[in-house]
Amino acid sequence: MLTGNVLEDEKIQAPSMSHFAASAAIGGTISVPIHLDAVVTEASLTIDGVAVLEAGRLVLNASGD
């Protein structure tokens, strides 16, 4: 169950965590004054037409089939 506290919510089972932040400190070229975190439950992700996550469940196996 989500609590509203990102530091706690990112540790729950099967969430998707996204960060929007600067990359300059790690060798990148983006420098911004903020860092945003988002916790999403039941996320779906498709990359190049291949489903990776569906409703928070991993559907892509290790061999990529």
PDB file of N, CA and C in Angstrom:
ATOM      1  N   MET A   1       0.845  -1.176   0.000  1.00  0.00           N
ATOM      2  CA  MET A   1       0.000   0.000   0.000  1.00  0.00           C
ATOM      3  C   MET A   1       0.891   1.240   0.000  1.00  0.00           C
ATOM      4  N   LEU A   2       0.568   2.195  -0.843  1.00  0.00           N
ATOM      5  CA  LEU A   2       1.328   3.440  -0.906  1.00  0.00           C
ATOM      6  C   LEU A   2       1.059   4.288   0.325  1.00  0.00           C
ATOM      7  N   THR A   3       2.114   4.941   0.813  1.00  0.00           N
ATOM      8  CA  THR A   3       1.980   5.789   2.000  1.00  0.00           C
ATOM      9  C   THR A   3       2.004   7.271   1.662  1.00  0.00           C
ATOM     10  N   GLY A   4       2.518   7.604   0.460  1.00  0.00           N
ATOM     11  CA  GLY A   4       2.689   9.004   0.095  1.00  0.00           C
ATOM     12  C   GLY A   4       4.101   9.500   0.370  1.00  0.00           C
ATOM     13  N   ASN A   5       4.912   8.682   1.019  1.00  0.00           N
ATOM     14  CA  ASN A   5       6.302   9.001   1.289  1.00  0.00           C
ATOM     15  C   ASN A   5       7.153   8.237   0.273  1.00  0.00           C
ATOM     16  N   VAL A   6       7.756   8.946  -0.704  1.00  0.00           N
ATOM     17  CA  VAL A   6       8.489   8.300  -1.791  1.00  0.00           C
ATOM     18  C   VAL A   6       9.601   7.398  -1.264  1.00  0.00           C
ATOM     19  N   LEU A   7      10.286   7.795  -0.197  1.00  0.00           N
ATOM     20  CA  LEU A   7      11.368   6.965   0.342  1.00  0.00           C
ATOM     21  C   LEU A   7      10.859   5.619   0.831  1.00  0.00           C
ATOM     22  N   GLU A   8       9.627   5.568   1.316  1.00  0.00           N
ATOM     23  CA  GLU A   8       9.030   4.303   1.723  1.00  0.00           C
ATOM     24  C   GLU A   8       8.366   3.602   0.547  1.00  0.00           C
ATOM     25  N   ASP A   9       7.645   4.354  -0.272  1.00  0.00           N
ATOM     26  CA  ASP A   9       6.882   3.770  -1.370  1.00  0.00           C
ATOM     27  C   ASP A   9       7.757   3.095  -2.418  1.00  0.00           C
ATOM     28  N   GLU A  10       8.983   3.580  -2.631  1.00  0.00           N
ATOM     29  CA  GLU A  10       9.846   2.967  -3.634  1.00  0.00           C
ATOM     30  C   GLU A  10      10.305   1.572  -3.231  1.00  0.00           C
ATOM     31  N   LYS A  11      10.058   1.175  -1.994  1.00  0.00           N
ATOM     32  CA  LYS A  11      10.478  -0.131  -1.502  1.00  0.00           C
ATOM     33  C   LYS A  11       9.359  -1.169  -1.520  1.00  0.00           C
ATOM     34  N   ILE A  12       8.137  -0.779  -1.872  1.00  0.00           N
ATOM     35  CA  ILE A  12       7.046  -1.748  -1.904  1.00  0.00           C
ATOM     36  C   ILE A  12       7.239  -2.710  -3.069  1.00  0.00           C
ATOM     37  N   GLN A  13       6.598  -3.838  -3.011  1.00  0.00           N
ATOM     38  CA  GLN A  13       6.761  -4.859  -4.039  1.00  0.00           C
ATOM     39  C   GLN A  13       6.114  -4.414  -5.348  1.00  0.00           C
ATOM     40  N   ALA A  14       6.868  -4.562  -6.443  1.00  0.00           N
ATOM     41  CA  ALA A  14       6.426  -4.349  -7.821  1.00  0.00           C
ATOM     42  C   ALA A  14       6.068  -2.910  -8.204  1.00  0.00           C
ATOM     43  N   PRO A  15       6.706  -1.893  -7.628  1.00  0.00           N
ATOM     44  CA  PRO A  15       6.447  -0.556  -8.162  1.00  0.00           C
ATOM     45  C   PRO A  15       7.401  -0.262  -9.318  1.00  0.00           C
ATOM     46  N   SER A  16       7.081   0.754 -10.057  1.00  0.00           N
ATOM     47  CA  SER A  16       7.997   1.270 -11.067  1.00  0.00           C
ATOM     48  C   SER A  16       8.449   2.628 -10.563  1.00  0.00           C
ATOM     49  N   MET A  17       9.731   2.854 -10.544  1.00  0.00           N
ATOM     50  CA  MET A  17      10.283   4.105 -10.015  1.00  0.00           C
ATOM     51  C   MET A  17      10.921   4.876 -11.151  1.00  0.00           C
ATOM     52  N   SER A  18      10.556   6.150 -11.288  1.00  0.00           N
ATOM     53  CA  SER A  18      11.141   7.006 -12.316  1.00  0.00           C
ATOM     54  C   SER A  18      11.782   8.208 -11.654  1.00  0.00           C
ATOM     55  N   HIS A  19      12.915   8.611 -12.194  1.00  0.00           N
ATOM     56  CA  HIS A  19      13.617   9.784 -11.692  1.00  0.00           C
ATOM     57  C   HIS A  19      13.809  10.759 -12.850  1.00  0.00           C
ATOM     58  N   PHE A  20      13.581  12.018 -12.582  1.00  0.00           N
ATOM     59  CA  PHE A  20      13.846  13.079 -13.544  1.00  0.00           C
ATOM     60  C   PHE A  20      14.821  14.029 -12.874  1.00  0.00           C
ATOM     61  N   ALA A  21      16.067  14.035 -13.358  1.00  0.00           N
ATOM     62  CA  ALA A  21      17.086  14.802 -12.658  1.00  0.00           C
ATOM     63  C   ALA A  21      18.256  15.117 -13.575  1.00  0.00           C
ATOM     64  N   ALA A  22      19.203  15.842 -13.023  1.00  0.00           N
ATOM     65  CA  ALA A  22      20.415  16.227 -13.749  1.00  0.00           C
ATOM     66  C   ALA A  22      21.331  15.021 -13.933  1.00  0.00           C
ATOM     67  N   SER A  23      22.084  15.033 -15.037  1.00  0.00           N
ATOM     68  CA  SER A  23      23.063  13.975 -15.265  1.00  0.00           C
ATOM     69  C   SER A  23      24.489  14.508 -15.235  1.00  0.00           C
ATOM     70  N   ALA A  24      24.660  15.828 -15.080  1.00  0.00           N
ATOM     71  CA  ALA A  24      25.994  16.443 -15.131  1.00  0.00           C
ATOM     72  C   ALA A  24      26.942  15.869 -14.072  1.00  0.00           C
ATOM     73  N   ALA A  25      26.424  15.526 -12.909  1.00  0.00           N
ATOM     74  CA  ALA A  25      27.273  15.017 -11.828  1.00  0.00           C
ATOM     75  C   ALA A  25      27.829  13.628 -12.125  1.00  0.00           C
ATOM     76  N   ILE A  26      27.220  12.930 -13.083  1.00  0.00           N
ATOM     77  CA  ILE A  26      27.692  11.586 -13.419  1.00  0.00           C
ATOM     78  C   ILE A  26      28.226  11.528 -14.853  1.00  0.00           C
ATOM     79  N   GLY A  27      28.651  12.682 -15.365  1.00  0.00           N
ATOM     80  CA  GLY A  27      29.279  12.720 -16.681  1.00  0.00           C
ATOM     81  C   GLY A  27      28.357  13.084 -17.825  1.00  0.00           C
ATOM     82  N   GLY A  28      27.091  13.353 -17.536  1.00  0.00           N
ATOM     83  CA  GLY A  28      26.139  13.717 -18.585  1.00  0.00           C
ATOM     84  C   GLY A  28      26.193  15.188 -18.929  1.00  0.00           C
ATOM     85  N   THR A  29      25.234  15.638 -19.713  1.00  0.00           N
ATOM     86  CA  THR A  29      25.221  17.028 -20.173  1.00  0.00           C
ATOM     87  C   THR A  29      24.035  17.822 -19.647  1.00  0.00           C
ATOM     88  N   ILE A  30      23.154  17.215 -18.865  1.00  0.00           N
ATOM     89  CA  ILE A  30      21.954  17.892 -18.371  1.00  0.00           C
ATOM     90  C   ILE A  30      22.202  18.437 -16.968  1.00  0.00           C
ATOM     91  N   SER A  31      21.942  19.730 -16.793  1.00  0.00           N
ATOM     92  CA  SER A  31      22.083  20.368 -15.491  1.00  0.00           C
ATOM     93  C   SER A  31      20.795  21.121 -15.186  1.00  0.00           C
ATOM     94  N   VAL A  32      20.063  20.677 -14.162  1.00  0.00           N
ATOM     95  CA  VAL A  32      18.804  21.312 -13.765  1.00  0.00           C
ATOM     96  C   VAL A  32      18.797  21.486 -12.250  1.00  0.00           C
ATOM     97  N   PRO A  33      18.008  22.453 -11.739  1.00  0.00           N
ATOM     98  CA  PRO A  33      18.008  22.726 -10.297  1.00  0.00           C
ATOM     99  C   PRO A  33      17.087  21.821  -9.474  1.00  0.00           C
ATOM    100  N   ILE A  34      16.407  20.842 -10.104  1.00  0.00           N
ATOM    101  CA  ILE A  34      15.468  20.011  -9.348  1.00  0.00           C
ATOM    102  C   ILE A  34      15.706  18.531  -9.628  1.00  0.00           C
ATOM    103  N   HIS A  35      15.137  17.699  -8.764  1.00  0.00           N
ATOM    104  CA  HIS A  35      15.166  16.240  -8.909  1.00  0.00           C
ATOM    105  C   HIS A  35      13.770  15.757  -8.540  1.00  0.00           C
ATOM    106  N   LEU A  36      13.091  15.077  -9.461  1.00  0.00           N
ATOM    107  CA  LEU A  36      11.746  14.573  -9.200  1.00  0.00           C
ATOM    108  C   LEU A  36      11.742  13.058  -9.218  1.00  0.00           C
ATOM    109  N   ASP A  37      11.042  12.445  -8.260  1.00  0.00           N
ATOM    110  CA  ASP A  37      10.866  11.002  -8.208  1.00  0.00           C
ATOM    111  C   ASP A  37       9.383  10.699  -8.349  1.00  0.00           C
ATOM    112  N   ALA A  38       9.059   9.596  -8.971  1.00  0.00           N
ATOM    113  CA  ALA A  38       7.671   9.174  -9.101  1.00  0.00           C
ATOM    114  C   ALA A  38       7.588   7.668  -8.891  1.00  0.00           C
ATOM    115  N   VAL A  39       6.618   7.242  -8.101  1.00  0.00           N
ATOM    116  CA  VAL A  39       6.365   5.823  -7.887  1.00  0.00           C
ATOM    117  C   VAL A  39       5.050   5.501  -8.585  1.00  0.00           C
ATOM    118  N   VAL A  40       5.076   4.490  -9.463  1.00  0.00           N
ATOM    119  CA  VAL A  40       3.888   4.110 -10.218  1.00  0.00           C
ATOM    120  C   VAL A  40       3.612   2.642  -9.945  1.00  0.00           C
ATOM    121  N   THR A  41       2.380   2.316  -9.610  1.00  0.00           N
ATOM    122  CA  THR A  41       2.009   0.915  -9.434  1.00  0.00           C
ATOM    123  C   THR A  41       1.296   0.439 -10.693  1.00  0.00           C
ATOM    124  N   GLU A  42       1.358  -0.829 -10.954  1.00  0.00           N
ATOM    125  CA  GLU A  42       0.717  -1.454 -12.114  1.00  0.00           C
ATOM    126  C   GLU A  42       1.142  -0.804 -13.431  1.00  0.00           C
ATOM    127  N   ALA A  43       2.436  -0.496 -13.541  1.00  0.00           N
ATOM    128  CA  ALA A  43       2.969   0.136 -14.750  1.00  0.00           C
ATOM    129  C   ALA A  43       3.065  -0.874 -15.887  1.00  0.00           C
ATOM    130  N   SER A  44       2.927  -0.367 -17.115  1.00  0.00           N
ATOM    131  CA  SER A  44       3.152  -1.168 -18.315  1.00  0.00           C
ATOM    132  C   SER A  44       4.247  -0.500 -19.128  1.00  0.00           C
ATOM    133  N   LEU A  45       5.127  -1.298 -19.732  1.00  0.00           N
ATOM    134  CA  LEU A  45       6.245  -0.779 -20.509  1.00  0.00           C
ATOM    135  C   LEU A  45       6.434  -1.638 -21.748  1.00  0.00           C
ATOM    136  N   THR A  46       6.468  -0.984 -22.911  1.00  0.00           N
ATOM    137  CA  THR A  46       6.728  -1.656 -24.180  1.00  0.00           C
ATOM    138  C   THR A  46       7.905  -0.953 -24.834  1.00  0.00           C
ATOM    139  N   ILE A  47       8.900  -1.713 -25.266  1.00  0.00           N
ATOM    140  CA  ILE A  47      10.082  -1.159 -25.925  1.00  0.00           C
ATOM    141  C   ILE A  47      10.191  -1.795 -27.302  1.00  0.00           C
ATOM    142  N   ASP A  48      10.203  -0.951 -28.322  1.00  0.00           N
ATOM    143  CA  ASP A  48      10.281  -1.434 -29.709  1.00  0.00           C
ATOM    144  C   ASP A  48       9.247  -2.511 -30.002  1.00  0.00           C
ATOM    145  N   GLY A  49       8.035  -2.320 -29.491  1.00  0.00           N
ATOM    146  CA  GLY A  49       6.951  -3.258 -29.753  1.00  0.00           C
ATOM    147  C   GLY A  49       6.973  -4.517 -28.913  1.00  0.00           C
ATOM    148  N   VAL A  50       7.926  -4.624 -27.986  1.00  0.00           N
ATOM    149  CA  VAL A  50       8.032  -5.812 -27.135  1.00  0.00           C
ATOM    150  C   VAL A  50       7.599  -5.444 -25.719  1.00  0.00           C
ATOM    151  N   ALA A  51       6.583  -6.136 -25.212  1.00  0.00           N
ATOM    152  CA  ALA A  51       6.102  -5.884 -23.853  1.00  0.00           C
ATOM    153  C   ALA A  51       7.143  -6.351 -22.845  1.00  0.00           C
ATOM    154  N   VAL A  52       7.480  -5.482 -21.906  1.00  0.00           N
ATOM    155  CA  VAL A  52       8.416  -5.799 -20.830  1.00  0.00           C
ATOM    156  C   VAL A  52       7.652  -5.941 -19.516  1.00  0.00           C
ATOM    157  N   LEU A  53       6.773  -4.981 -19.235  1.00  0.00           N
ATOM    158  CA  LEU A  53       5.907  -5.002 -18.055  1.00  0.00           C
ATOM    159  C   LEU A  53       4.462  -4.853 -18.500  1.00  0.00           C
ATOM    160  N   GLU A  54       3.583  -5.589 -17.868  1.00  0.00           N
ATOM    161  CA  GLU A  54       2.143  -5.423 -18.077  1.00  0.00           C
ATOM    162  C   GLU A  54       1.474  -5.377 -16.720  1.00  0.00           C
ATOM    163  N   ALA A  55       0.865  -4.255 -16.407  1.00  0.00           N
ATOM    164  CA  ALA A  55       0.173  -4.060 -15.130  1.00  0.00           C
ATOM    165  C   ALA A  55       1.061  -4.415 -13.938  1.00  0.00           C
ATOM    166  N   GLY A  56       2.335  -4.031 -14.008  1.00  0.00           N
ATOM    167  CA  GLY A  56       3.255  -4.253 -12.895  1.00  0.00           C
ATOM    168  C   GLY A  56       3.921  -5.609 -12.869  1.00  0.00           C
ATOM    169  N   ARG A  57       3.629  -6.454 -13.837  1.00  0.00           N
ATOM    170  CA  ARG A  57       4.213  -7.789 -13.895  1.00  0.00           C
ATOM    171  C   ARG A  57       5.231  -7.892 -15.009  1.00  0.00           C
ATOM    172  N   LEU A  58       6.400  -8.468 -14.725  1.00  0.00           N
ATOM    173  CA  LEU A  58       7.425  -8.690 -15.719  1.00  0.00           C
ATOM    174  C   LEU A  58       6.951  -9.773 -16.678  1.00  0.00           C
ATOM    175  N   VAL A  59       6.921  -9.457 -17.985  1.00  0.00           N
ATOM    176  CA  VAL A  59       6.451 -10.435 -18.965  1.00  0.00           C
ATOM    177  C   VAL A  59       7.528 -10.847 -19.951  1.00  0.00           C
ATOM    178  N   LEU A  60       8.650 -10.171 -19.937  1.00  0.00           N
ATOM    179  CA  LEU A  60       9.766 -10.490 -20.841  1.00  0.00           C
ATOM    180  C   LEU A  60      10.697 -11.438 -20.097  1.00  0.00           C
ATOM    181  N   ASN A  61      10.971 -12.603 -20.678  1.00  0.00           N
ATOM    182  CA  ASN A  61      11.861 -13.533 -19.985  1.00  0.00           C
ATOM    183  C   ASN A  61      13.313 -13.215 -20.327  1.00  0.00           C
ATOM    184  N   ALA A  62      14.234 -13.871 -19.661  1.00  0.00           N
ATOM    185  CA  ALA A  62      15.667 -13.583 -19.788  1.00  0.00           C
ATOM    186  C   ALA A  62      16.191 -13.783 -21.203  1.00  0.00           C
ATOM    187  N   SER A  63      15.587 -14.672 -21.996  1.00  0.00           N
ATOM    188  CA  SER A  63      16.077 -14.921 -23.334  1.00  0.00           C
ATOM    189  C   SER A  63      15.528 -13.900 -24.336  1.00  0.00           C
ATOM    190  N   GLY A  64      14.594 -13.029 -23.870  1.00  0.00           N
ATOM    191  CA  GLY A  64      14.043 -12.005 -24.737  1.00  0.00           C
ATOM    192  C   GLY A  64      12.847 -12.458 -25.542  1.00  0.00           C
ATOM    193  N   ASP A  65      12.355 -13.685 -25.309  1.00  0.00           N
ATOM    194  CA  ASP A  65      11.180 -14.198 -26.036  1.00  0.00           C
ATOM    195  C   ASP A  65       9.900 -13.637 -25.460  1.00  0.00           C
TER     196      ASP A  65
END
